[in-house]
């Protein structure tokens, strides 16, 4: 197996995962806070395997005030297996694209008309 870039993730001093992908892919580590008192802080470590068109996830967890997150960037020939995989869903993608077009049309005051083509 080839050497790949990887993120070694630590939460409060404990190693939680070694996430990595090949060169033809995307790797992310995101810490998010929405800005509402009731909304949790959140850590997500994931990526996109471009050749397979598949999203992967190693971490998806809530955080608390005072948590310490450390990300060490390394090169490794072996990484942890993702805990979740999401294959591309063409039908879901089309629904999302249509929803986006309808939202933008409404925003700009446009009217969408369907034209049915005859065979």
N, C-alpha and C. Protein backbone atom coordinates (compact mmCIF):
# COMPACT_ATOMS: atom_id res chain seq x y z
N UNK A 1 0.84 -1.18 0.00
CA UNK A 1 0.00 0.00 0.00
C UNK A 1 0.89 1.25 0.00
N UNK A 2 0.47 2.27 -0.67
CA UNK A 2 1.24 3.50 -0.78
C UNK A 2 1.12 4.34 0.49
N UNK A 3 2.12 5.16 0.71
CA UNK A 3 2.10 6.08 1.84
C UNK A 3 1.09 7.19 1.54
N UNK A 4 0.28 7.56 2.54
CA UNK A 4 -0.73 8.60 2.34
C UNK A 4 -0.67 9.60 3.48
N UNK A 5 -1.19 10.79 3.22
CA UNK A 5 -1.34 11.79 4.27
C UNK A 5 -2.46 11.36 5.19
N UNK A 6 -2.28 11.63 6.47
CA UNK A 6 -3.29 11.21 7.44
C UNK A 6 -3.38 12.21 8.58
N UNK A 7 -4.52 12.22 9.26
CA UNK A 7 -4.73 13.02 10.46
C UNK A 7 -4.81 12.07 11.65
N UNK A 8 -3.93 12.26 12.59
CA UNK A 8 -3.99 11.51 13.85
C UNK A 8 -4.73 12.42 14.83
N UNK A 9 -5.90 11.99 15.26
CA UNK A 9 -6.80 12.83 16.05
C UNK A 9 -6.75 12.41 17.52
N UNK A 10 -6.57 13.41 18.39
CA UNK A 10 -6.59 13.21 19.83
C UNK A 10 -7.68 14.09 20.44
N UNK A 11 -8.48 13.51 21.33
CA UNK A 11 -9.49 14.27 22.08
C UNK A 11 -9.16 14.08 23.55
N UNK A 12 -8.86 15.20 24.22
CA UNK A 12 -8.49 15.19 25.64
C UNK A 12 -7.35 14.22 25.92
N UNK A 13 -6.36 14.22 25.03
CA UNK A 13 -5.17 13.41 25.21
C UNK A 13 -5.28 11.96 24.75
N UNK A 14 -6.48 11.54 24.38
CA UNK A 14 -6.69 10.15 23.94
C UNK A 14 -6.76 10.09 22.42
N UNK A 15 -5.94 9.21 21.82
CA UNK A 15 -5.98 9.05 20.36
C UNK A 15 -7.29 8.39 19.98
N UNK A 16 -8.06 9.07 19.12
CA UNK A 16 -9.37 8.53 18.74
C UNK A 16 -9.37 7.90 17.36
N UNK A 17 -8.50 8.37 16.46
CA UNK A 17 -8.45 7.75 15.15
C UNK A 17 -7.23 8.23 14.36
N UNK A 18 -6.88 7.43 13.37
CA UNK A 18 -5.90 7.80 12.36
C UNK A 18 -6.65 7.72 11.03
N UNK A 19 -7.00 8.89 10.51
CA UNK A 19 -7.82 8.97 9.29
C UNK A 19 -6.92 9.35 8.13
N UNK A 20 -7.06 8.65 7.02
CA UNK A 20 -6.24 8.97 5.86
C UNK A 20 -6.86 8.51 4.56
N UNK A 21 -6.46 9.21 3.48
CA UNK A 21 -6.97 8.89 2.15
C UNK A 21 -5.84 8.98 1.14
N UNK A 22 -6.07 8.41 -0.02
CA UNK A 22 -5.08 8.47 -1.09
C UNK A 22 -5.00 9.88 -1.67
N UNK A 23 -4.06 10.10 -2.56
CA UNK A 23 -3.86 11.41 -3.17
C UNK A 23 -5.09 11.90 -3.93
N UNK A 24 -5.85 10.99 -4.51
CA UNK A 24 -7.00 11.38 -5.34
C UNK A 24 -8.27 11.46 -4.49
N UNK A 25 -8.16 12.07 -3.31
CA UNK A 25 -9.30 12.14 -2.41
C UNK A 25 -9.20 13.39 -1.54
N UNK A 26 -10.20 13.55 -0.66
CA UNK A 26 -10.28 14.71 0.24
C UNK A 26 -10.34 14.20 1.67
N UNK A 27 -9.61 14.87 2.58
CA UNK A 27 -9.62 14.53 3.99
C UNK A 27 -9.92 15.80 4.78
N UNK A 28 -10.88 15.74 5.73
CA UNK A 28 -11.26 16.92 6.50
C UNK A 28 -11.35 16.60 7.98
N UNK A 29 -11.06 17.62 8.79
CA UNK A 29 -11.30 17.58 10.23
C UNK A 29 -11.98 18.90 10.55
N UNK A 30 -13.23 18.84 11.01
CA UNK A 30 -14.04 20.04 11.21
C UNK A 30 -14.52 20.09 12.65
N UNK A 31 -14.27 21.23 13.29
CA UNK A 31 -14.84 21.51 14.60
C UNK A 31 -15.86 22.60 14.38
N UNK A 32 -17.10 22.35 14.76
CA UNK A 32 -18.18 23.30 14.46
C UNK A 32 -18.92 23.71 15.72
N UNK A 33 -19.33 24.98 15.72
CA UNK A 33 -20.19 25.53 16.76
C UNK A 33 -21.23 26.38 16.05
N UNK A 34 -22.51 26.11 16.29
CA UNK A 34 -23.57 26.79 15.59
C UNK A 34 -23.84 28.18 16.16
N UNK A 35 -23.64 28.39 17.44
CA UNK A 35 -23.83 29.71 18.02
C UNK A 35 -25.09 29.85 18.83
N UNK A 36 -25.67 28.74 19.21
CA UNK A 36 -26.85 28.74 20.08
C UNK A 36 -26.48 27.99 21.35
N UNK A 37 -26.98 28.45 22.47
CA UNK A 37 -26.62 27.83 23.75
C UNK A 37 -26.95 26.34 23.82
N UNK A 38 -28.03 25.93 23.17
CA UNK A 38 -28.46 24.54 23.26
C UNK A 38 -27.77 23.63 22.22
N UNK A 39 -27.11 24.23 21.25
CA UNK A 39 -26.46 23.44 20.20
C UNK A 39 -25.08 22.99 20.66
N UNK A 40 -24.74 21.72 20.44
CA UNK A 40 -23.43 21.23 20.89
C UNK A 40 -22.30 21.65 19.95
N UNK A 41 -21.13 21.69 20.52
CA UNK A 41 -19.92 21.76 19.70
C UNK A 41 -19.78 20.39 19.07
N UNK A 42 -19.14 20.31 17.91
CA UNK A 42 -19.12 19.03 17.20
C UNK A 42 -17.79 18.83 16.48
N UNK A 43 -17.30 17.60 16.50
CA UNK A 43 -16.10 17.21 15.76
C UNK A 43 -16.48 16.19 14.71
N UNK A 44 -16.05 16.45 13.49
CA UNK A 44 -16.28 15.50 12.40
C UNK A 44 -14.98 15.32 11.64
N UNK A 45 -14.55 14.08 11.51
CA UNK A 45 -13.36 13.74 10.73
C UNK A 45 -13.83 12.83 9.61
N UNK A 46 -13.64 13.26 8.39
CA UNK A 46 -14.14 12.47 7.27
C UNK A 46 -13.41 12.79 5.99
N UNK A 47 -14.00 12.33 4.90
CA UNK A 47 -13.38 12.58 3.63
C UNK A 47 -14.25 12.11 2.47
N UNK A 48 -13.71 12.31 1.31
CA UNK A 48 -14.37 11.90 0.07
C UNK A 48 -13.37 11.10 -0.74
N UNK A 49 -13.72 9.86 -1.01
CA UNK A 49 -12.90 9.01 -1.87
C UNK A 49 -13.36 9.29 -3.30
N UNK A 50 -12.61 10.10 -4.00
CA UNK A 50 -13.05 10.60 -5.30
C UNK A 50 -13.24 9.49 -6.34
N UNK A 51 -12.27 8.58 -6.50
CA UNK A 51 -12.50 7.56 -7.53
C UNK A 51 -13.77 6.74 -7.31
N UNK A 52 -14.10 6.44 -6.04
CA UNK A 52 -15.29 5.64 -5.73
C UNK A 52 -16.53 6.50 -5.54
N UNK A 53 -16.37 7.83 -5.50
CA UNK A 53 -17.47 8.75 -5.22
C UNK A 53 -18.19 8.33 -3.93
N UNK A 54 -17.39 8.16 -2.87
CA UNK A 54 -17.91 7.68 -1.60
C UNK A 54 -17.41 8.58 -0.47
N UNK A 55 -18.35 9.03 0.40
CA UNK A 55 -17.97 9.78 1.58
C UNK A 55 -17.65 8.79 2.70
N UNK A 56 -16.64 9.12 3.51
CA UNK A 56 -16.26 8.27 4.63
C UNK A 56 -16.17 9.12 5.89
N UNK A 57 -16.34 8.47 7.05
CA UNK A 57 -16.30 9.18 8.32
C UNK A 57 -15.59 8.33 9.35
N UNK A 58 -14.66 8.95 10.09
CA UNK A 58 -13.96 8.29 11.19
C UNK A 58 -14.49 8.76 12.54
N UNK A 59 -14.83 10.03 12.64
CA UNK A 59 -15.33 10.61 13.89
C UNK A 59 -16.55 11.45 13.59
N UNK A 60 -17.51 11.40 14.48
CA UNK A 60 -18.71 12.22 14.38
C UNK A 60 -19.24 12.31 15.81
N UNK A 61 -18.74 13.29 16.57
CA UNK A 61 -19.03 13.32 18.00
C UNK A 61 -19.21 14.73 18.51
N UNK A 62 -20.03 14.83 19.56
CA UNK A 62 -20.21 16.11 20.23
C UNK A 62 -19.01 16.40 21.12
N UNK A 63 -18.77 17.68 21.32
CA UNK A 63 -17.69 18.14 22.19
C UNK A 63 -18.29 19.01 23.29
N UNK A 64 -17.48 19.31 24.30
CA UNK A 64 -17.92 20.18 25.38
C UNK A 64 -16.88 21.27 25.60
N UNK A 65 -17.30 22.36 26.22
CA UNK A 65 -16.37 23.43 26.57
C UNK A 65 -15.27 22.83 27.43
N UNK A 66 -14.04 23.14 27.09
CA UNK A 66 -12.89 22.61 27.83
C UNK A 66 -12.23 21.42 27.15
N UNK A 67 -12.92 20.78 26.19
CA UNK A 67 -12.29 19.68 25.45
C UNK A 67 -11.08 20.20 24.68
N UNK A 68 -10.07 19.38 24.61
CA UNK A 68 -8.86 19.73 23.86
C UNK A 68 -8.74 18.79 22.66
N UNK A 69 -8.63 19.38 21.48
CA UNK A 69 -8.51 18.61 20.24
C UNK A 69 -7.12 18.84 19.69
N UNK A 70 -6.44 17.75 19.36
CA UNK A 70 -5.12 17.87 18.73
C UNK A 70 -5.15 17.06 17.45
N UNK A 71 -4.65 17.67 16.37
CA UNK A 71 -4.57 17.00 15.08
C UNK A 71 -3.11 16.98 14.67
N UNK A 72 -2.58 15.82 14.51
CA UNK A 72 -1.19 15.65 14.07
C UNK A 72 -1.22 15.17 12.63
N UNK A 73 -0.56 15.89 11.75
CA UNK A 73 -0.52 15.51 10.33
C UNK A 73 0.67 14.58 10.13
N UNK A 74 0.39 13.40 9.61
CA UNK A 74 1.42 12.38 9.44
C UNK A 74 1.32 11.75 8.06
N UNK A 75 2.31 10.96 7.72
CA UNK A 75 2.25 10.10 6.55
C UNK A 75 2.25 8.67 7.06
N UNK A 76 1.38 7.85 6.51
CA UNK A 76 1.24 6.48 6.98
C UNK A 76 0.86 5.56 5.83
N UNK A 77 1.27 4.32 5.93
CA UNK A 77 0.87 3.35 4.90
C UNK A 77 -0.36 2.56 5.35
N UNK A 78 -0.81 2.80 6.60
CA UNK A 78 -2.00 2.11 7.11
C UNK A 78 -2.77 3.09 7.99
N UNK A 79 -4.09 3.16 7.80
CA UNK A 79 -4.95 4.03 8.60
C UNK A 79 -6.12 3.21 9.14
N UNK A 80 -6.86 3.80 10.09
CA UNK A 80 -8.03 3.13 10.65
C UNK A 80 -9.12 3.01 9.59
N UNK A 81 -9.91 1.97 9.70
CA UNK A 81 -11.06 1.79 8.82
C UNK A 81 -12.13 2.81 9.20
N UNK A 82 -12.71 3.51 8.22
CA UNK A 82 -13.79 4.46 8.55
C UNK A 82 -14.94 3.76 9.26
N UNK A 83 -15.59 4.49 10.17
CA UNK A 83 -16.72 3.92 10.90
C UNK A 83 -18.01 3.98 10.09
N UNK A 84 -18.06 4.90 9.12
CA UNK A 84 -19.25 5.03 8.26
C UNK A 84 -18.81 5.28 6.82
N UNK A 85 -19.63 4.79 5.91
CA UNK A 85 -19.41 5.01 4.47
C UNK A 85 -20.75 5.39 3.85
N UNK A 86 -20.71 6.38 2.96
CA UNK A 86 -21.92 6.84 2.29
C UNK A 86 -21.66 6.85 0.80
N UNK A 87 -22.22 5.88 0.10
CA UNK A 87 -22.04 5.81 -1.35
C UNK A 87 -22.85 6.92 -2.03
N UNK A 88 -22.40 7.32 -3.19
CA UNK A 88 -23.12 8.33 -3.96
C UNK A 88 -24.49 7.78 -4.34
N UNK A 89 -25.51 8.63 -4.19
CA UNK A 89 -26.88 8.25 -4.51
C UNK A 89 -27.38 9.21 -5.59
N UNK A 90 -27.34 8.79 -6.88
CA UNK A 90 -27.72 9.70 -7.97
C UNK A 90 -29.13 10.27 -7.82
N UNK A 91 -30.09 9.47 -7.34
CA UNK A 91 -31.46 9.97 -7.16
C UNK A 91 -31.50 11.07 -6.10
N UNK A 92 -30.78 10.87 -5.02
CA UNK A 92 -30.72 11.87 -3.96
C UNK A 92 -30.04 13.15 -4.47
N UNK A 93 -28.99 13.00 -5.26
CA UNK A 93 -28.30 14.16 -5.83
C UNK A 93 -29.23 14.98 -6.72
N UNK A 94 -30.03 14.31 -7.54
CA UNK A 94 -30.96 15.02 -8.43
C UNK A 94 -32.02 15.75 -7.60
N UNK A 95 -32.54 15.10 -6.55
CA UNK A 95 -33.52 15.77 -5.68
C UNK A 95 -32.92 17.01 -5.04
N UNK A 96 -31.68 16.91 -4.59
CA UNK A 96 -31.01 18.07 -3.97
C UNK A 96 -30.80 19.18 -4.99
N UNK A 97 -30.43 18.83 -6.20
CA UNK A 97 -30.23 19.84 -7.25
C UNK A 97 -31.54 20.54 -7.59
N UNK A 98 -32.62 19.77 -7.70
CA UNK A 98 -33.93 20.36 -7.98
C UNK A 98 -34.37 21.28 -6.85
N UNK A 99 -34.15 20.85 -5.61
CA UNK A 99 -34.51 21.67 -4.46
C UNK A 99 -33.72 22.99 -4.49
N UNK A 100 -32.46 22.92 -4.84
CA UNK A 100 -31.62 24.12 -4.94
C UNK A 100 -32.16 25.07 -6.02
N UNK A 101 -32.48 24.52 -7.19
CA UNK A 101 -33.00 25.35 -8.28
C UNK A 101 -34.31 26.02 -7.86
N UNK A 102 -35.22 25.27 -7.20
CA UNK A 102 -36.48 25.85 -6.74
C UNK A 102 -36.24 26.96 -5.72
N UNK A 103 -35.30 26.74 -4.81
CA UNK A 103 -34.97 27.75 -3.80
C UNK A 103 -34.44 29.02 -4.44
N UNK A 104 -33.55 28.87 -5.40
CA UNK A 104 -32.97 30.04 -6.07
C UNK A 104 -34.02 30.76 -6.92
N UNK A 105 -34.90 30.00 -7.58
CA UNK A 105 -35.96 30.62 -8.38
C UNK A 105 -36.86 31.45 -7.47
N UNK A 106 -37.22 30.91 -6.33
CA UNK A 106 -38.06 31.64 -5.39
C UNK A 106 -37.35 32.89 -4.89
N UNK A 107 -36.07 32.77 -4.60
CA UNK A 107 -35.29 33.90 -4.10
C UNK A 107 -35.27 35.04 -5.12
N UNK A 108 -35.15 34.72 -6.39
CA UNK A 108 -35.06 35.73 -7.44
C UNK A 108 -36.40 36.09 -8.07
N UNK A 109 -37.47 35.46 -7.58
CA UNK A 109 -38.79 35.77 -8.12
C UNK A 109 -39.04 35.18 -9.49
N UNK A 110 -38.34 34.13 -9.83
CA UNK A 110 -38.51 33.50 -11.13
C UNK A 110 -39.60 32.44 -11.06
N UNK A 111 -40.19 32.17 -12.21
CA UNK A 111 -41.20 31.11 -12.30
C UNK A 111 -40.59 29.95 -13.09
N UNK A 112 -40.71 28.77 -12.57
CA UNK A 112 -40.18 27.59 -13.25
C UNK A 112 -41.32 26.95 -14.02
N UNK A 113 -41.08 26.67 -15.29
CA UNK A 113 -42.06 25.99 -16.13
C UNK A 113 -41.46 24.69 -16.65
N UNK A 114 -42.21 23.64 -16.49
CA UNK A 114 -41.76 22.35 -17.02
C UNK A 114 -42.24 22.23 -18.46
N UNK A 115 -41.37 21.75 -19.30
CA UNK A 115 -41.71 21.51 -20.70
C UNK A 115 -41.56 20.02 -20.93
N UNK A 116 -42.65 19.40 -21.30
CA UNK A 116 -42.60 17.96 -21.58
C UNK A 116 -42.34 17.78 -23.07
N UNK A 117 -41.37 16.96 -23.34
CA UNK A 117 -41.02 16.69 -24.73
C UNK A 117 -41.78 15.47 -25.21
N UNK A 118 -42.24 15.55 -26.42
CA UNK A 118 -42.96 14.40 -26.99
C UNK A 118 -41.96 13.49 -27.68
N UNK A 119 -42.21 12.19 -27.54
CA UNK A 119 -41.27 11.22 -28.17
C UNK A 119 -41.28 11.24 -29.67
